[in-house]
Amino acid sequence: MKSSHSPATVFAAFDEPNLIAHAGLVPAVRLAERCDLPRLVAEKVKLTGARNGAGTAADAKAMSIVAGMVAGADSIDDLDVLRHGGLPRLFGGIRAPSTLGSFLRAFTWGHVRQLQSAARAFTCNLAAHTGLVPKTDEVVFVDIDSKVKQVYGPAKQGASFGYTKVRGLHFQIVTVKTSTCAPVIVATRLRKGSAGSGKGAASLLREALATVRAMGITAQIIVRADSAYFSHKVVDACRTAGVRFSLAVAVTKTVREAIVNIAEDAWTPIEYTDAVWDDEEERRVSDAEIAEIPFTAFTSKKKQFHTTARLIVRRVKRLNPESVPDGQAELFGVWRHHVIFTDSRFTLVQAEPMHREHAQVEQVFADLEDSALGHLPSGKFTANAAWLTLAATAYNLTRAAGHLASTFHARARTGTIRRHLINIPARITAGARRFTLHLPQRWRWEADFTDLWTATGQRMTT
């Protein structure tokens, strides 16, 4: 590819009022309206007492933020992406970034909880309207994890140093997925940077599981998490909700003693479909051995929290003797052990790879940070908590748009959905009491965009 004209013959001018850069916002916003996002925000979020009118028209302001995020905005100033060209001809109630910043800063923690309630109800409506989370699959996975989002400057409320050794704010998310759909976010929570990964996990999990059931899902649910969430509170929340769990476990003295009792002929060789990178050994691992043994956890807690389930152990040959921890040479001189505590009904060779798929939640973190969570943009903690909630809402809306467009986009990254279906240039014309968006000829994903467009109740020209 090369330029076909000399610079002296090519000019540019910002003078066309009927062009837009994000034609895909039209079906995306229509989908949000069909699933009652504006109504839910108006009914649930009551910013009473906010100064200078910051709390008025919460529905229009929340929709402006979500639409900007769907288009790729990752800061308050970026939300001005909605006020270019002919977009004001297609949408009413678009607010300026300064107005949206004041709106976010008016939030208290109670208002954040109101917004989270609206977001959970919207997610249920979105799933019902689009079939985003299939109800026919036999198993549904609920994954909980957290990430420290680095921020800069000590003036941000709640910013502090945690286990990552960087200044940041620590957020938790809970996702729901099946073997046939991509993850959907069902709960979020922002904490200060020094908060432990598992802090508040049980209460957040209860909210998430209630949302999943409110979606009409009656299938078997398995909660998956890493070792930071291995606690009696999390297990109790799972048991109370009637769901099963699959939790990674740190290899403590008690766990090592249980591993020793596994007979040598009980180990079953497995081969990974794709080689797994081992950070400690600095190599790819393609095979391992697995075994299981009954185990009672949390015996130091009250008897009501004692939990007996299966301890699934995966062992991988340790090739680097320098990586053997002090005092563990006898047990770990040959093998490294990875342990899961689960009460799932699946067989050993099914349960172990199912748990490893929990790592897919990292893709959700990557998608969020590739868009709205590129920054936590405010100095106020509750404003950032509201931003996180709206970012999750925009993520789910984008994923629902991809689901309506095609099988490929139903599982694609949200960045791919934006490039193919949202950020499409168009020219607006008006006539015969109707607007027409003139889209690029030979757009590679024309058929997918057409499916999204018509699925939201709009028509293509003939």
Protein backbone atom coordinates (compact mmCIF):
# COMPACT_ATOMS: atom_id res chain seq x y z
CA MET A 1 0.00 0.00 0.00
CA LYS A 2 1.28 3.46 -0.85
CA SER A 3 0.05 7.01 -1.30
CA SER A 4 -1.44 7.59 -4.75
CA HIS A 5 -1.25 11.37 -4.72
CA SER A 6 1.41 13.90 -3.81
CA PRO A 7 0.99 15.91 -0.60
CA ALA A 8 0.47 19.07 -2.64
CA THR A 9 -2.76 17.68 -4.10
CA VAL A 10 -4.37 16.27 -0.92
CA PHE A 11 -6.15 18.61 1.51
CA ALA A 12 -8.20 18.13 4.70
CA ALA A 13 -10.92 20.18 6.33
CA PHE A 14 -13.17 19.63 9.37
CA ASP A 15 -16.29 21.10 7.77
CA GLU A 16 -18.86 18.29 7.28
CA PRO A 17 -21.76 18.48 9.80
CA ASN A 18 -23.43 15.28 8.59
CA LEU A 19 -20.60 12.80 9.13
CA ILE A 20 -20.28 10.55 12.18
CA ALA A 21 -17.50 8.19 13.22
CA HIS A 22 -19.54 5.73 15.30
CA ALA A 23 -22.60 4.56 13.38
CA GLY A 24 -22.72 1.42 15.51
CA LEU A 25 -23.81 3.52 18.49
CA VAL A 26 -27.28 3.74 16.94
CA PRO A 27 -28.15 0.03 17.42
CA ALA A 28 -26.13 -0.17 20.64
CA VAL A 29 -28.02 2.68 22.29
CA ARG A 30 -31.30 1.32 20.95
CA LEU A 31 -30.46 -2.03 22.56
CA ALA A 32 -29.74 -0.33 25.90
CA GLU A 33 -33.08 1.46 25.71
CA ARG A 34 -34.94 -1.74 24.84
CA CYS A 35 -33.41 -3.35 27.92
CA ASP A 36 -34.52 -0.41 30.11
CA LEU A 37 -31.16 1.00 31.15
CA PRO A 38 -32.39 4.65 31.20
CA ARG A 39 -35.53 3.74 33.13
CA LEU A 40 -33.65 1.62 35.67
CA VAL A 41 -31.14 4.39 36.36
CA ALA A 42 -33.90 7.00 36.66
CA GLU A 43 -35.83 4.82 39.12
CA LYS A 44 -32.95 3.62 41.27
CA VAL A 45 -30.29 6.36 41.28
CA LYS A 46 -31.44 9.32 43.36
CA LEU A 47 -28.64 11.88 43.71
CA THR A 48 -30.58 14.07 46.10
CA GLY A 49 -28.72 16.97 47.63
CA ALA A 50 -26.14 17.23 44.84
CA ARG A 51 -25.06 20.81 44.23
CA ASN A 52 -25.37 22.78 40.98
CA GLY A 53 -27.82 20.30 39.47
CA ALA A 54 -25.21 17.54 39.27
CA GLY A 55 -27.78 14.94 40.27
CA THR A 56 -30.45 15.82 37.73
CA ALA A 57 -31.20 13.68 34.66
CA ALA A 58 -29.19 10.74 35.97
CA ASP A 59 -30.55 8.56 33.17
CA ALA A 60 -29.32 10.84 30.37
CA LYS A 61 -25.92 11.25 32.01
CA ALA A 62 -25.44 7.54 32.63
CA MET A 63 -26.44 6.79 29.04
CA SER A 64 -23.95 9.39 27.78
CA ILE A 65 -21.15 7.77 29.78
CA VAL A 66 -22.03 4.23 28.69
CA ALA A 67 -22.35 5.25 25.02
CA GLY A 68 -18.99 7.02 25.17
CA MET A 69 -17.41 3.93 26.71
CA VAL A 70 -18.92 1.70 24.00
CA ALA A 71 -17.28 4.00 21.45
CA GLY A 72 -13.95 3.55 23.23
CA ALA A 73 -13.72 6.47 25.68
CA ASP A 74 -11.38 5.73 28.60
CA SER A 75 -11.52 9.05 30.47
CA ILE A 76 -14.00 11.79 31.26
CA ASP A 77 -12.55 14.11 28.61
CA ASP A 78 -12.80 11.27 26.05
CA LEU A 79 -16.58 11.29 26.45
CA ASP A 80 -16.57 14.32 24.14
CA VAL A 81 -16.38 11.74 21.35
CA LEU A 82 -20.20 11.85 21.39
CA ARG A 83 -20.41 15.50 20.33
CA HIS A 84 -18.92 15.40 16.85
CA GLY A 85 -20.47 15.82 13.41
CA GLY A 86 -24.05 14.69 13.08
CA LEU A 87 -24.35 12.62 16.27
CA PRO A 88 -26.53 15.27 18.00
CA ARG A 89 -29.00 14.78 15.13
CA LEU A 90 -29.33 11.09 16.05
CA PHE A 91 -29.28 11.31 19.85
CA GLY A 92 -30.85 13.65 22.34
CA GLY A 93 -29.60 14.47 25.81
CA ILE A 94 -25.85 14.16 25.12
CA ARG A 95 -24.02 15.79 28.03
CA ALA A 96 -20.67 17.57 27.99
CA PRO A 97 -17.68 15.90 29.72
CA SER A 98 -17.59 18.61 32.39
CA THR A 99 -21.23 17.88 33.24
CA LEU A 100 -20.57 14.14 33.35
CA GLY A 101 -17.54 14.67 35.60
CA SER A 102 -19.68 16.68 38.06
CA PHE A 103 -22.30 13.93 37.93
CA LEU A 104 -19.77 11.24 38.85
CA ARG A 105 -18.26 13.31 41.66
CA ALA A 106 -21.73 13.75 43.18
CA PHE A 107 -21.90 10.02 43.99
CA THR A 108 -21.71 8.77 47.55
CA TRP A 109 -21.23 5.08 48.35
CA GLY A 110 -24.99 4.71 48.72
CA HIS A 111 -25.49 6.13 45.25
CA VAL A 112 -22.89 3.71 43.88
CA ARG A 113 -24.90 0.85 45.37
CA GLN A 114 -28.03 2.23 43.69
CA LEU A 115 -26.19 2.32 40.36
CA GLN A 116 -24.96 -1.24 40.88
CA SER A 117 -28.53 -2.36 41.50
CA ALA A 118 -29.62 -0.74 38.23
CA ALA A 119 -26.68 -2.35 36.40
CA ARG A 120 -27.54 -5.82 37.72
CA ALA A 121 -31.17 -5.46 36.63
CA PHE A 122 -30.05 -4.21 33.22
CA THR A 123 -27.75 -7.22 32.81
CA CYS A 124 -30.68 -9.54 33.52
CA ASN A 125 -32.80 -7.71 30.92
CA LEU A 126 -29.94 -7.82 28.43
CA ALA A 127 -29.53 -11.56 28.88
CA ALA A 128 -33.28 -12.15 28.51
CA HIS A 129 -33.56 -9.96 25.41
CA THR A 130 -30.53 -11.28 23.53
CA GLY A 131 -29.89 -14.78 24.92
CA LEU A 132 -26.44 -13.56 25.91
CA VAL A 133 -26.10 -16.31 28.54
CA PRO A 134 -27.67 -19.58 27.30
CA LYS A 135 -30.13 -21.20 29.68
CA THR A 136 -29.91 -24.59 28.00
CA ASP A 137 -26.27 -25.32 28.89
CA GLU A 138 -25.91 -27.89 31.65
CA VAL A 139 -23.16 -26.09 33.56
CA VAL A 140 -22.68 -22.38 34.28
CA PHE A 141 -19.40 -21.04 35.62
CA VAL A 142 -19.21 -18.04 37.93
CA ASP A 143 -15.67 -16.67 38.18
CA ILE A 144 -14.49 -14.15 40.77
CA ASP A 145 -11.15 -12.36 40.59
CA SER A 146 -9.53 -9.02 41.28
CA LYS A 147 -6.91 -6.72 39.81
CA VAL A 148 -4.95 -3.72 41.00
CA LYS A 149 -5.37 -0.84 38.56
CA GLN A 150 -2.32 1.39 38.74
CA VAL A 151 -2.98 5.08 39.31
CA TYR A 152 -0.61 8.00 39.49
CA GLY A 153 -0.41 10.52 42.27
CA PRO A 154 -1.29 10.13 45.96
CA ALA A 155 -4.23 12.55 45.70
CA LYS A 156 -6.60 9.84 44.45
CA GLN A 157 -8.77 8.68 47.33
CA GLY A 158 -8.09 5.08 48.31
CA ALA A 159 -4.94 4.80 46.21
CA SER A 160 -2.26 2.86 48.07
CA PHE A 161 0.34 0.13 47.67
CA GLY A 162 -0.74 -3.50 47.81
CA TYR A 163 0.77 -6.86 46.92
CA THR A 164 1.73 -5.62 43.43
CA LYS A 165 4.01 -2.97 44.97
CA VAL A 166 2.47 -0.25 42.78
CA ARG A 167 0.11 2.53 43.81
CA GLY A 168 -3.37 1.67 42.68
CA LEU A 169 -7.02 0.93 43.36
CA HIS A 170 -8.07 -2.71 43.73
CA PHE A 171 -11.27 -3.82 41.98
CA GLN A 172 -13.14 -7.12 42.01
CA ILE A 173 -15.36 -8.49 39.27
CA VAL A 174 -17.58 -11.56 39.01
CA THR A 175 -18.38 -13.01 35.61
CA VAL A 176 -20.77 -15.69 34.37
CA LYS A 177 -20.08 -17.89 31.35
CA THR A 178 -20.85 -21.25 29.85
CA SER A 179 -18.95 -23.44 27.43
CA THR A 180 -20.77 -21.76 24.53
CA CYS A 181 -20.69 -18.07 25.47
CA ALA A 182 -18.18 -15.40 26.39
CA PRO A 183 -17.98 -14.03 29.96
CA VAL A 184 -20.57 -11.49 31.12
CA ILE A 185 -19.91 -9.28 34.15
CA VAL A 186 -22.56 -9.67 36.86
CA ALA A 187 -20.99 -7.79 39.79
CA THR A 188 -18.21 -5.28 40.49
CA ARG A 189 -16.69 -3.63 43.52
CA LEU A 190 -13.89 -1.10 43.97
CA ARG A 191 -11.64 -1.25 47.05
CA LYS A 192 -8.59 0.68 48.22
CA GLY A 193 -5.28 -0.39 46.73
CA SER A 194 -4.01 -2.18 49.82
CA ALA A 195 -7.11 -4.37 50.19
CA GLY A 196 -6.50 -8.11 50.05
CA SER A 197 -7.73 -9.92 46.95
CA GLY A 198 -10.36 -11.85 48.89
CA LYS A 199 -11.64 -8.98 51.05
CA GLY A 200 -15.44 -8.72 50.74
CA ALA A 201 -15.53 -11.62 48.27
CA ALA A 202 -18.32 -13.53 50.02
CA SER A 203 -20.80 -10.64 49.98
CA LEU A 204 -19.98 -9.76 46.36
CA LEU A 205 -20.40 -13.41 45.40
CA ARG A 206 -23.83 -13.54 47.04
CA GLU A 207 -24.94 -10.54 44.97
CA ALA A 208 -23.55 -12.11 41.79
CA LEU A 209 -25.22 -15.46 42.38
CA ALA A 210 -28.55 -13.76 43.03
CA THR A 211 -28.15 -11.93 39.69
CA VAL A 212 -27.34 -15.17 37.86
CA ARG A 213 -30.44 -16.82 39.27
CA ALA A 214 -32.48 -13.72 38.38
CA MET A 215 -31.44 -14.29 34.76
CA GLY A 216 -33.54 -17.44 34.90
CA ILE A 217 -30.57 -19.81 34.97
CA THR A 218 -31.49 -23.06 36.69
CA ALA A 219 -28.47 -25.09 35.55
CA GLN A 220 -25.73 -26.32 37.84
CA ILE A 221 -23.48 -23.42 38.87
CA ILE A 222 -19.80 -23.83 39.74
CA VAL A 223 -17.94 -20.95 41.38
CA ARG A 224 -14.27 -20.79 40.38
CA ALA A 225 -11.54 -18.72 42.00
CA ASP A 226 -7.84 -18.69 42.72
CA SER A 227 -6.24 -19.36 46.10
CA ALA A 228 -6.85 -15.80 47.36
CA TYR A 229 -10.55 -16.72 47.66
CA PHE A 230 -10.07 -20.00 49.49
CA SER A 231 -11.92 -19.17 52.70
CA HIS A 232 -14.74 -20.55 54.80
CA LYS A 233 -16.80 -17.43 54.04
CA VAL A 234 -16.66 -18.02 50.28
CA VAL A 235 -17.46 -21.72 50.64
CA ASP A 236 -20.33 -20.91 53.02
CA ALA A 237 -21.72 -18.39 50.50
CA CYS A 238 -21.63 -21.10 47.82
CA ARG A 239 -23.28 -23.71 50.03
CA THR A 240 -25.98 -21.26 51.17
CA ALA A 241 -26.77 -20.36 47.55
CA GLY A 242 -26.94 -24.02 46.56
CA VAL A 243 -24.02 -23.88 44.12
CA ARG A 244 -20.78 -25.82 43.88
CA PHE A 245 -17.24 -24.50 44.10
CA SER A 246 -13.81 -25.07 42.59
CA LEU A 247 -11.16 -23.09 44.47
CA ALA A 248 -7.40 -23.12 44.09
CA VAL A 249 -5.55 -23.81 47.34
CA ALA A 250 -2.15 -22.66 48.53
CA VAL A 251 0.18 -25.55 49.32
CA THR A 252 0.36 -25.26 53.10
CA LYS A 253 1.72 -27.77 55.60
CA THR A 254 -1.71 -29.38 56.02
CA VAL A 255 -2.14 -29.71 52.26
CA ARG A 256 1.36 -31.16 51.85
CA GLU A 257 0.56 -33.80 54.45
CA ALA A 258 -2.57 -34.74 52.49
CA ILE A 259 -0.61 -34.98 49.24
CA VAL A 260 1.87 -37.40 50.82
CA ASN A 261 -1.02 -39.82 51.45
CA ILE A 262 -1.82 -40.11 47.73
CA ALA A 263 -0.72 -43.53 46.50
CA GLU A 264 1.77 -43.51 43.64
CA ASP A 265 -0.53 -45.61 41.44
CA ALA A 266 -3.38 -43.10 41.93
CA TRP A 267 -1.78 -40.52 39.61
CA THR A 268 -3.30 -40.18 36.14
CA PRO A 269 -1.18 -38.74 33.30
CA ILE A 270 -2.74 -35.84 31.35
CA GLU A 271 -1.63 -33.91 28.30
CA TYR A 272 -2.54 -30.25 27.88
CA THR A 273 -4.28 -29.34 24.64
CA ASP A 274 -1.95 -26.33 24.49
CA ALA A 275 1.35 -26.10 26.30
CA VAL A 276 1.09 -24.09 29.52
CA TRP A 277 3.78 -21.54 30.38
CA ASP A 278 5.37 -22.15 33.78
CA ASP A 279 6.70 -18.85 35.19
CA GLU A 280 8.82 -20.50 37.86
CA GLU A 281 10.44 -23.04 35.57
CA GLU A 282 10.53 -20.55 32.65
CA ARG A 283 9.40 -23.16 30.17
CA ARG A 284 6.29 -24.55 28.52
CA VAL A 285 4.70 -27.61 30.10
CA SER A 286 2.66 -29.97 27.94
CA ASP A 287 2.04 -32.85 30.32
CA ALA A 288 1.41 -33.50 34.01
CA GLU A 289 -0.24 -35.97 36.40
CA ILE A 290 -3.39 -35.55 38.46
CA ALA A 291 -4.93 -37.31 41.45
CA GLU A 292 -7.57 -36.66 44.09
CA ILE A 293 -8.12 -37.36 47.76
CA PRO A 294 -10.86 -36.48 50.29
CA PHE A 295 -9.98 -33.46 52.41
CA THR A 296 -11.62 -31.52 55.24
CA ALA A 297 -10.89 -27.80 55.13
CA PHE A 298 -11.23 -24.99 57.66
CA THR A 299 -10.84 -27.26 60.69
CA SER A 300 -9.53 -24.30 62.70
CA LYS A 301 -12.92 -22.57 62.32
CA LYS A 302 -16.23 -23.34 64.00
CA LYS A 303 -17.53 -26.82 63.31
CA GLN A 304 -20.32 -25.46 61.12
CA PHE A 305 -17.66 -24.25 58.66
CA HIS A 306 -15.78 -27.56 58.43
CA THR A 307 -16.09 -28.62 54.80
CA THR A 308 -15.24 -32.01 53.36
CA ALA A 309 -14.76 -32.21 49.61
CA ARG A 310 -12.21 -33.38 47.05
CA LEU A 311 -8.64 -32.17 46.89
CA ILE A 312 -7.54 -32.41 43.26
CA VAL A 313 -3.77 -32.25 42.86
CA ARG A 314 -1.86 -31.64 39.65
CA ARG A 315 1.86 -32.29 39.71
CA VAL A 316 4.44 -31.17 37.16
CA LYS A 317 8.06 -32.24 37.04
CA ARG A 318 10.37 -29.67 38.58
CA LEU A 319 13.47 -29.39 36.42
CA ASN A 320 15.14 -26.45 38.13
CA PRO A 321 16.58 -27.51 41.53
CA GLU A 322 17.21 -23.86 42.46
CA SER A 323 13.45 -23.29 42.57
CA VAL A 324 12.86 -25.80 45.38
CA PRO A 325 11.68 -23.90 48.49
CA ASP A 326 13.73 -24.32 51.66
CA GLY A 327 12.55 -27.24 53.76
CA GLN A 328 10.50 -28.80 50.95
CA ALA A 329 13.19 -30.76 49.13
CA GLU A 330 11.82 -34.18 50.12
CA LEU A 331 8.32 -33.48 48.83
CA PHE A 332 9.06 -31.08 46.02
CA GLY A 333 12.43 -32.30 44.79
CA VAL A 334 10.82 -33.85 41.70
CA TRP A 335 7.33 -32.35 41.44
CA ARG A 336 5.54 -29.02 41.70
CA HIS A 337 1.99 -29.27 42.97
CA HIS A 338 -1.11 -27.25 42.08
CA VAL A 339 -4.15 -27.92 44.24
CA ILE A 340 -7.91 -27.44 43.81
CA PHE A 341 -10.58 -27.87 46.47
CA THR A 342 -13.91 -28.74 44.86
CA ASP A 343 -17.26 -30.39 45.47
CA SER A 344 -18.22 -30.58 41.79
CA ARG A 345 -19.72 -33.81 40.52
CA PHE A 346 -17.40 -34.06 37.56
CA THR A 347 -14.80 -36.76 37.26
CA LEU A 348 -11.16 -36.06 37.98
CA VAL A 349 -10.14 -35.65 34.34
CA GLN A 350 -13.09 -33.30 33.76
CA ALA A 351 -12.87 -31.19 36.91
CA GLU A 352 -9.18 -30.31 36.66
CA PRO A 353 -9.23 -28.72 33.17
CA MET A 354 -12.56 -27.04 33.97
CA HIS A 355 -10.91 -25.22 36.82
CA ARG A 356 -7.95 -24.13 34.70
CA GLU A 357 -10.39 -22.34 32.39
CA HIS A 358 -10.95 -19.86 35.23
CA ALA A 359 -7.97 -18.05 33.69
CA GLN A 360 -10.33 -16.75 30.99
CA VAL A 361 -11.36 -14.02 33.43
CA GLU A 362 -8.01 -12.40 32.64
CA GLN A 363 -9.37 -11.73 29.15
CA VAL A 364 -12.17 -9.69 30.72
CA PHE A 365 -9.58 -7.61 32.58
CA ALA A 366 -7.74 -7.08 29.30
CA ASP A 367 -10.94 -6.00 27.54
CA LEU A 368 -11.84 -3.56 30.31
CA GLU A 369 -8.38 -2.01 30.33
CA ASP A 370 -8.46 -1.77 26.54
CA SER A 371 -11.47 0.52 26.84
CA ALA A 372 -13.18 2.25 29.76
CA LEU A 373 -10.76 1.06 32.44
CA GLY A 374 -7.76 2.44 30.64
CA HIS A 375 -7.99 4.91 33.53
CA LEU A 376 -9.82 5.38 36.79
CA PRO A 377 -10.27 9.03 35.91
CA SER A 378 -11.37 10.82 39.07
CA GLY A 379 -9.64 11.82 42.26
CA LYS A 380 -12.77 10.84 44.21
CA PHE A 381 -13.13 7.19 45.23
CA THR A 382 -16.90 6.95 44.77
CA ALA A 383 -16.69 8.58 41.33
CA ASN A 384 -14.25 5.86 40.30
CA ALA A 385 -16.54 3.21 41.78
CA ALA A 386 -19.41 4.55 39.66
CA TRP A 387 -17.09 4.63 36.63
CA LEU A 388 -16.22 0.95 37.21
CA THR A 389 -19.92 0.02 37.37
CA LEU A 390 -20.67 1.87 34.14
CA ALA A 391 -17.58 0.34 32.49
CA ALA A 392 -18.93 -3.13 33.25
CA THR A 393 -22.32 -2.07 31.85
CA ALA A 394 -20.67 -0.84 28.64
CA TYR A 395 -18.70 -4.10 28.40
CA ASN A 396 -21.91 -6.17 28.66
CA LEU A 397 -23.72 -3.94 26.14
CA THR A 398 -20.85 -4.27 23.66
CA ARG A 399 -20.77 -8.02 24.11
CA ALA A 400 -24.55 -8.22 23.61
CA ALA A 401 -24.22 -6.22 20.38
CA GLY A 402 -21.59 -8.70 19.19
CA HIS A 403 -23.87 -11.59 20.15
CA LEU A 404 -26.66 -10.20 17.97
CA ALA A 405 -24.30 -9.57 15.06
CA SER A 406 -22.68 -12.96 14.41
CA THR A 407 -21.28 -16.13 15.92
CA PHE A 408 -17.77 -14.76 15.47
CA HIS A 409 -18.50 -11.46 17.24
CA ALA A 410 -20.33 -13.27 20.05
CA ARG A 411 -16.95 -14.54 21.26
CA ALA A 412 -14.66 -11.81 19.91
CA ARG A 413 -12.86 -9.31 22.10
CA THR A 414 -14.80 -6.14 22.76
CA GLY A 415 -12.06 -4.16 20.99
CA THR A 416 -12.74 -6.21 17.87
CA ILE A 417 -16.49 -5.57 18.18
CA ARG A 418 -15.82 -1.82 18.40
CA ARG A 419 -13.61 -1.81 15.29
CA HIS A 420 -15.98 -3.94 13.22
CA LEU A 421 -19.46 -2.87 14.39
CA ILE A 422 -19.33 0.36 16.41
CA ASN A 423 -16.65 2.63 14.96
CA ILE A 424 -18.08 2.72 11.44
CA PRO A 425 -18.08 6.10 9.63
CA ALA A 426 -21.37 7.22 8.10
CA ARG A 427 -22.95 10.22 6.41
CA ILE A 428 -26.42 11.30 7.51
CA THR A 429 -29.05 12.37 5.00
CA ALA A 430 -32.65 13.37 5.70
CA GLY A 431 -35.69 13.14 3.47
CA ALA A 432 -39.26 11.85 3.39
CA ARG A 433 -39.37 12.29 7.17
CA ARG A 434 -36.59 9.78 7.77
CA PHE A 435 -32.85 9.67 8.35
CA THR A 436 -30.53 7.43 6.36
CA LEU A 437 -27.00 6.51 7.35
CA HIS A 438 -24.78 6.04 4.31
CA LEU A 439 -22.09 3.52 5.30
CA PRO A 440 -18.88 2.61 3.47
CA GLN A 441 -19.19 0.34 0.45
CA ARG A 442 -17.52 -3.08 0.70
CA TRP A 443 -17.35 -2.91 4.49
CA ARG A 444 -15.91 -6.28 5.41
CA TRP A 445 -18.46 -6.87 8.18
CA GLU A 446 -21.52 -5.48 6.38
CA ALA A 447 -23.62 -8.61 6.90
CA ASP A 448 -22.83 -8.71 10.64
CA PHE A 449 -23.68 -5.03 11.07
CA THR A 450 -26.92 -5.58 9.15
CA ASP A 451 -27.89 -8.37 11.55
CA LEU A 452 -27.19 -6.11 14.55
CA TRP A 453 -29.07 -3.21 12.96
CA THR A 454 -32.20 -5.22 12.19
CA ALA A 455 -32.11 -7.11 15.52
CA THR A 456 -32.64 -3.78 17.31
CA GLY A 457 -35.80 -2.99 15.32
CA GLN A 458 -34.36 -0.83 12.55
CA ARG A 459 -34.47 -1.26 8.78
CA MET A 460 -31.93 -1.15 5.99
CA THR A 461 -32.71 0.70 2.74
CA THR A 462 -33.56 -1.36 -0.30
